[in-house]
């Protein structure tokens, strides 16, 4: 009976400690910055980005900056309208020609906005 109580106590301490650790630790957050989006757009324009990398960054919501969230939505719309899944596997660019032009304009707009915001700070 003593062994049973000892094992039960040890298990409860371990499980309680794990639950307390999970409750006190914060959820890790990925914070997308403008430079990361511009680098992704540059790689997409150079046809060196994988669909997985594109979908990972563009598919993750940006909650800290409404402007960047709008850019992300526009990039997602570009993929929906001008991209085809599996194009990179066939050796083609991620987006068609019109999508490439729109992405270049979106990238230039983001770069100008970022430069303007840095001058204001």
C-alpha atoms as a PDB file:
ATOM      1  CA  UNK A   1       0.000   0.000   0.000  1.00  0.00           C
ATOM      2  CA  UNK A   2       2.877   2.377   0.797  1.00  0.00           C
ATOM      3  CA  UNK A   3       4.472   1.672  -2.582  1.00  0.00           C
ATOM      4  CA  UNK A   4       1.166   2.407  -4.310  1.00  0.00           C
ATOM      5  CA  UNK A   5       0.844   5.761  -2.538  1.00  0.00           C
ATOM      6  CA  UNK A   6       4.467   6.634  -3.341  1.00  0.00           C
ATOM      7  CA  UNK A   7       4.010   5.849  -7.057  1.00  0.00           C
ATOM      8  CA  UNK A   8       0.704   7.740  -7.139  1.00  0.00           C
ATOM      9  CA  UNK A   9       2.271  10.779  -5.466  1.00  0.00           C
ATOM     10  CA  UNK A  10       5.247  10.794  -7.845  1.00  0.00           C
ATOM     11  CA  UNK A  11       2.940  10.501 -10.872  1.00  0.00           C
ATOM     12  CA  UNK A  12       0.699  13.309  -9.606  1.00  0.00           C
ATOM     13  CA  UNK A  13       3.732  15.542  -8.996  1.00  0.00           C
ATOM     14  CA  UNK A  14       5.075  14.834 -12.496  1.00  0.00           C
ATOM     15  CA  UNK A  15       1.709  15.389 -14.208  1.00  0.00           C
ATOM     16  CA  UNK A  16       0.982  18.455 -12.082  1.00  0.00           C
ATOM     17  CA  UNK A  17       4.389  19.886 -12.903  1.00  0.00           C
ATOM     18  CA  UNK A  18       3.871  19.292 -16.623  1.00  0.00           C
ATOM     19  CA  UNK A  19       0.443  20.927 -16.551  1.00  0.00           C
ATOM     20  CA  UNK A  20       1.808  23.908 -14.601  1.00  0.00           C
ATOM     21  CA  UNK A  21       4.695  24.239 -17.068  1.00  0.00           C
ATOM     22  CA  UNK A  22       2.330  24.214 -20.044  1.00  0.00           C
ATOM     23  CA  UNK A  23      -0.011  26.719 -18.409  1.00  0.00           C
ATOM     24  CA  UNK A  24       2.778  29.154 -17.561  1.00  0.00           C
ATOM     25  CA  UNK A  25       4.673  28.973 -20.836  1.00  0.00           C
ATOM     26  CA  UNK A  26       3.415  31.204 -23.625  1.00  0.00           C
ATOM     27  CA  UNK A  27       2.481  30.088 -27.083  1.00  0.00           C
ATOM     28  CA  UNK A  28       5.308  30.767 -29.525  1.00  0.00           C
ATOM     29  CA  UNK A  29       4.406  33.371 -32.134  1.00  0.00           C
ATOM     30  CA  UNK A  30       5.936  33.961 -35.520  1.00  0.00           C
ATOM     31  CA  UNK A  31       6.117  37.671 -36.307  1.00  0.00           C
ATOM     32  CA  UNK A  32       6.303  38.463 -40.009  1.00  0.00           C
ATOM     33  CA  UNK A  33       8.243  41.635 -40.795  1.00  0.00           C
ATOM     34  CA  UNK A  34       8.225  43.659 -44.049  1.00  0.00           C
ATOM     35  CA  UNK A  35      11.764  42.551 -44.888  1.00  0.00           C
ATOM     36  CA  UNK A  36      10.682  38.907 -44.776  1.00  0.00           C
ATOM     37  CA  UNK A  37       7.794  39.587 -47.163  1.00  0.00           C
ATOM     38  CA  UNK A  38      10.051  41.523 -49.545  1.00  0.00           C
ATOM     39  CA  UNK A  39      12.625  38.707 -49.493  1.00  0.00           C
ATOM     40  CA  UNK A  40       9.856  36.201 -50.218  1.00  0.00           C
ATOM     41  CA  UNK A  41       8.549  38.338 -53.087  1.00  0.00           C
ATOM     42  CA  UNK A  42      12.094  38.677 -54.493  1.00  0.00           C
ATOM     43  CA  UNK A  43      12.541  34.911 -54.389  1.00  0.00           C
ATOM     44  CA  UNK A  44       9.158  34.410 -56.052  1.00  0.00           C
ATOM     45  CA  UNK A  45      10.053  36.889 -58.812  1.00  0.00           C
ATOM     46  CA  UNK A  46      13.373  35.074 -59.313  1.00  0.00           C
ATOM     47  CA  UNK A  47      11.531  31.712 -59.389  1.00  0.00           C
ATOM     48  CA  UNK A  48      13.581  30.384 -56.500  1.00  0.00           C
ATOM     49  CA  UNK A  49      10.872  30.016 -53.860  1.00  0.00           C
ATOM     50  CA  UNK A  50       9.150  26.725 -53.176  1.00  0.00           C
ATOM     51  CA  UNK A  51       5.392  26.473 -52.904  1.00  0.00           C
ATOM     52  CA  UNK A  52       5.802  25.226 -49.352  1.00  0.00           C
ATOM     53  CA  UNK A  53       7.781  28.300 -48.298  1.00  0.00           C
ATOM     54  CA  UNK A  54       5.303  30.600 -50.075  1.00  0.00           C
ATOM     55  CA  UNK A  55       2.284  28.951 -48.464  1.00  0.00           C
ATOM     56  CA  UNK A  56       3.928  28.896 -45.037  1.00  0.00           C
ATOM     57  CA  UNK A  57       4.637  32.620 -44.949  1.00  0.00           C
ATOM     58  CA  UNK A  58       1.623  33.870 -46.905  1.00  0.00           C
ATOM     59  CA  UNK A  59      -0.770  31.510 -45.122  1.00  0.00           C
ATOM     60  CA  UNK A  60       0.163  32.728 -41.620  1.00  0.00           C
ATOM     61  CA  UNK A  61      -1.981  35.653 -40.408  1.00  0.00           C
ATOM     62  CA  UNK A  62      -0.237  38.902 -39.448  1.00  0.00           C
ATOM     63  CA  UNK A  63      -1.979  40.291 -36.399  1.00  0.00           C
ATOM     64  CA  UNK A  64       0.440  43.021 -35.344  1.00  0.00           C
ATOM     65  CA  UNK A  65       0.214  45.181 -38.498  1.00  0.00           C
ATOM     66  CA  UNK A  66      -2.968  45.739 -40.515  1.00  0.00           C
ATOM     67  CA  UNK A  67      -1.024  47.067 -43.512  1.00  0.00           C
ATOM     68  CA  UNK A  68       1.127  43.918 -43.728  1.00  0.00           C
ATOM     69  CA  UNK A  69      -2.007  41.803 -43.327  1.00  0.00           C
ATOM     70  CA  UNK A  70      -3.463  43.585 -46.363  1.00  0.00           C
ATOM     71  CA  UNK A  71      -0.282  42.902 -48.341  1.00  0.00           C
ATOM     72  CA  UNK A  72      -0.461  39.253 -47.295  1.00  0.00           C
ATOM     73  CA  UNK A  73      -4.082  39.020 -48.443  1.00  0.00           C
ATOM     74  CA  UNK A  74      -3.196  40.592 -51.793  1.00  0.00           C
ATOM     75  CA  UNK A  75      -0.329  38.136 -52.260  1.00  0.00           C
ATOM     76  CA  UNK A  76      -2.642  35.276 -51.361  1.00  0.00           C
ATOM     77  CA  UNK A  77      -5.162  36.545 -53.921  1.00  0.00           C
ATOM     78  CA  UNK A  78      -2.390  36.689 -56.540  1.00  0.00           C
ATOM     79  CA  UNK A  79      -1.603  33.034 -55.927  1.00  0.00           C
ATOM     80  CA  UNK A  80      -5.282  32.121 -56.148  1.00  0.00           C
ATOM     81  CA  UNK A  81      -5.796  34.020 -59.410  1.00  0.00           C
ATOM     82  CA  UNK A  82      -2.455  33.635 -61.201  1.00  0.00           C
ATOM     83  CA  UNK A  83      -0.751  30.627 -59.646  1.00  0.00           C
ATOM     84  CA  UNK A  84      -1.181  26.937 -60.176  1.00  0.00           C
ATOM     85  CA  UNK A  85      -0.196  24.373 -57.620  1.00  0.00           C
ATOM     86  CA  UNK A  86       2.606  22.216 -58.919  1.00  0.00           C
ATOM     87  CA  UNK A  87       4.033  24.826 -61.331  1.00  0.00           C
ATOM     88  CA  UNK A  88       7.385  24.868 -59.539  1.00  0.00           C
ATOM     89  CA  UNK A  89       7.649  21.087 -59.813  1.00  0.00           C
ATOM     90  CA  UNK A  90       7.277  21.427 -63.579  1.00  0.00           C
ATOM     91  CA  UNK A  91      10.037  24.039 -63.754  1.00  0.00           C
ATOM     92  CA  UNK A  92       7.722  27.013 -64.253  1.00  0.00           C
ATOM     93  CA  UNK A  93       7.520  30.183 -62.150  1.00  0.00           C
ATOM     94  CA  UNK A  94       5.156  30.256 -59.182  1.00  0.00           C
ATOM     95  CA  UNK A  95       2.904  32.825 -60.914  1.00  0.00           C
ATOM     96  CA  UNK A  96       2.049  33.450 -64.552  1.00  0.00           C
ATOM     97  CA  UNK A  97       3.311  36.587 -66.366  1.00  0.00           C
ATOM     98  CA  UNK A  98       0.474  38.839 -65.209  1.00  0.00           C
ATOM     99  CA  UNK A  99       0.856  37.580 -61.651  1.00  0.00           C
ATOM    100  CA  UNK A 100       4.612  38.254 -61.786  1.00  0.00           C
ATOM    101  CA  UNK A 101       3.933  41.857 -62.843  1.00  0.00           C
ATOM    102  CA  UNK A 102       1.389  42.371 -60.082  1.00  0.00           C
ATOM    103  CA  UNK A 103       3.731  40.816 -57.518  1.00  0.00           C
ATOM    104  CA  UNK A 104       6.555  43.126 -58.644  1.00  0.00           C
ATOM    105  CA  UNK A 105       4.235  46.128 -58.211  1.00  0.00           C
ATOM    106  CA  UNK A 106       3.151  44.858 -54.790  1.00  0.00           C
ATOM    107  CA  UNK A 107       6.787  44.376 -53.769  1.00  0.00           C
ATOM    108  CA  UNK A 108       7.699  47.907 -54.922  1.00  0.00           C
ATOM    109  CA  UNK A 109       4.724  49.341 -53.038  1.00  0.00           C
ATOM    110  CA  UNK A 110       5.755  47.486 -49.860  1.00  0.00           C
ATOM    111  CA  UNK A 111       9.368  48.672 -50.219  1.00  0.00           C
ATOM    112  CA  UNK A 112       8.256  52.300 -50.649  1.00  0.00           C
ATOM    113  CA  UNK A 113       5.892  52.085 -47.684  1.00  0.00           C
ATOM    114  CA  UNK A 114       8.587  50.505 -45.495  1.00  0.00           C
ATOM    115  CA  UNK A 115      11.137  53.191 -46.474  1.00  0.00           C
ATOM    116  CA  UNK A 116       8.603  55.938 -45.735  1.00  0.00           C
ATOM    117  CA  UNK A 117       7.751  54.426 -42.361  1.00  0.00           C
ATOM    118  CA  UNK A 118      11.452  54.221 -41.441  1.00  0.00           C
ATOM    119  CA  UNK A 119      11.969  57.890 -42.315  1.00  0.00           C
ATOM    120  CA  UNK A 120       9.088  58.847 -40.032  1.00  0.00           C
ATOM    121  CA  UNK A 121      10.583  56.938 -37.102  1.00  0.00           C
END
